[in-house]
């Protein structure tokens, strides 16, 4: 048999490894989630128009700043510390839900006040309260439940739990459309909140039934859990500031600009869905591997290749956006093409974050995320009022560059310390 024949034979006999299989399972769930989110964006963007859609996404962006405060980073702690066995996971679940109950109540109230104070002509207070409950309390609870399934390496369930929330919201929107209500951001905020809360409550009840009869030792101390989750909560908050702070700022120029930039960002999320699925399947394996750094090195090239392929797709698709959503969204097509390389930089940042975590330097992530948030917010305040959507794009890249610079500094210092120690 020739060398080429042997290569073909090996390719024919190839079977995907565990990472590829779980990545495919997660991709199915996340694909369902992305389809629901894409349908939401398309229906809302056309139903509300650029102005009305911008009013909704600006309020939603403010609410998302408080979601990490409600979750306290506990979802990431569950994946990191609960992947080792069911007994540790049961303890973590019990403690996480107790902390979430207190934190989500305070965070939701703060979110309502922040939205009403910061935006021009906000919606009625009742609509803002339901929007905040759906985005802050419900979304953080769903995240905790989903990460429990991820820690158990139940990839399909993890994907389906994540998909359930946008599907519930899409159902709420369809009910609203069938009611023949006139286009109104406030009406959609109410439907958004009610559908989100209903799904989160149902999911928690159903998942809790599986743990009801198991003997669970006392949960970790609340203070210990909160300290462990702090770097992850700060990272999530920094990420929200980096990606969503532009919406309230753009809203003061035009709600249409806020809506257009949000459409561009959501399309980036949709096209990079396979990349997100592979990363979600990779992290539990990294933390459980005997040599986490070797595991990451083997996967890094594939992740970056997928990110660059997604960038090409975004650039090619961008000119079609105004034809699909209308002429009001023409500026968003330019923003979409300009954001195409951001996912590749995010992959590099995620791999660096994981490298710090496996070295027991999770607290260093606070500095990485703080650099991204501070630089991103400052650039947004400086560039967006003058250059609008183009300024928002440059601010996004500036925040990412700051995070990578600080991350590289920490990794180099860790390498030098290992060399001196040996």
Foldseek 3Di string as FASTA:
>chain_A
DDPVVVVVVCVVPDDDDPLVVLLVLLLVLVLLLLVLVVVVLLVLCQQQPLFQLLLLLLLLLLLLLLQLQLQLQLLVVLQQQVLPDDQLNVLSLVLSVVSNVVRLVVSLVVSLVCSVPQADPHDDSVLSSLLSQLNRNLVSLLSNLLSSCLSPVVSNSSSNSSSVLSVLLSVLVVVVVVVVDHRHSSSSSNSSSVSSVVSSVVSVVVVVVVCVPPDHDHHPDNVVSSVVSNLVSLLSSLVSLLQRVLSSVLVVVGSSLSSLQVVLVSVLCNLCSSLVSSVSSQLSVLSPDPHNVVSLVVCLVVSLVSLVVSLVVQLVCLVCVCVSSHPSNNVSSVLNNLCSNVSSLVSVLVSLCSVCVSVVNSVLSSVLSVQLNVQLNVQSVVQCVPPNSVSSSVSSVRSSVRSVVSSVVVVVVVVVVVVVVD
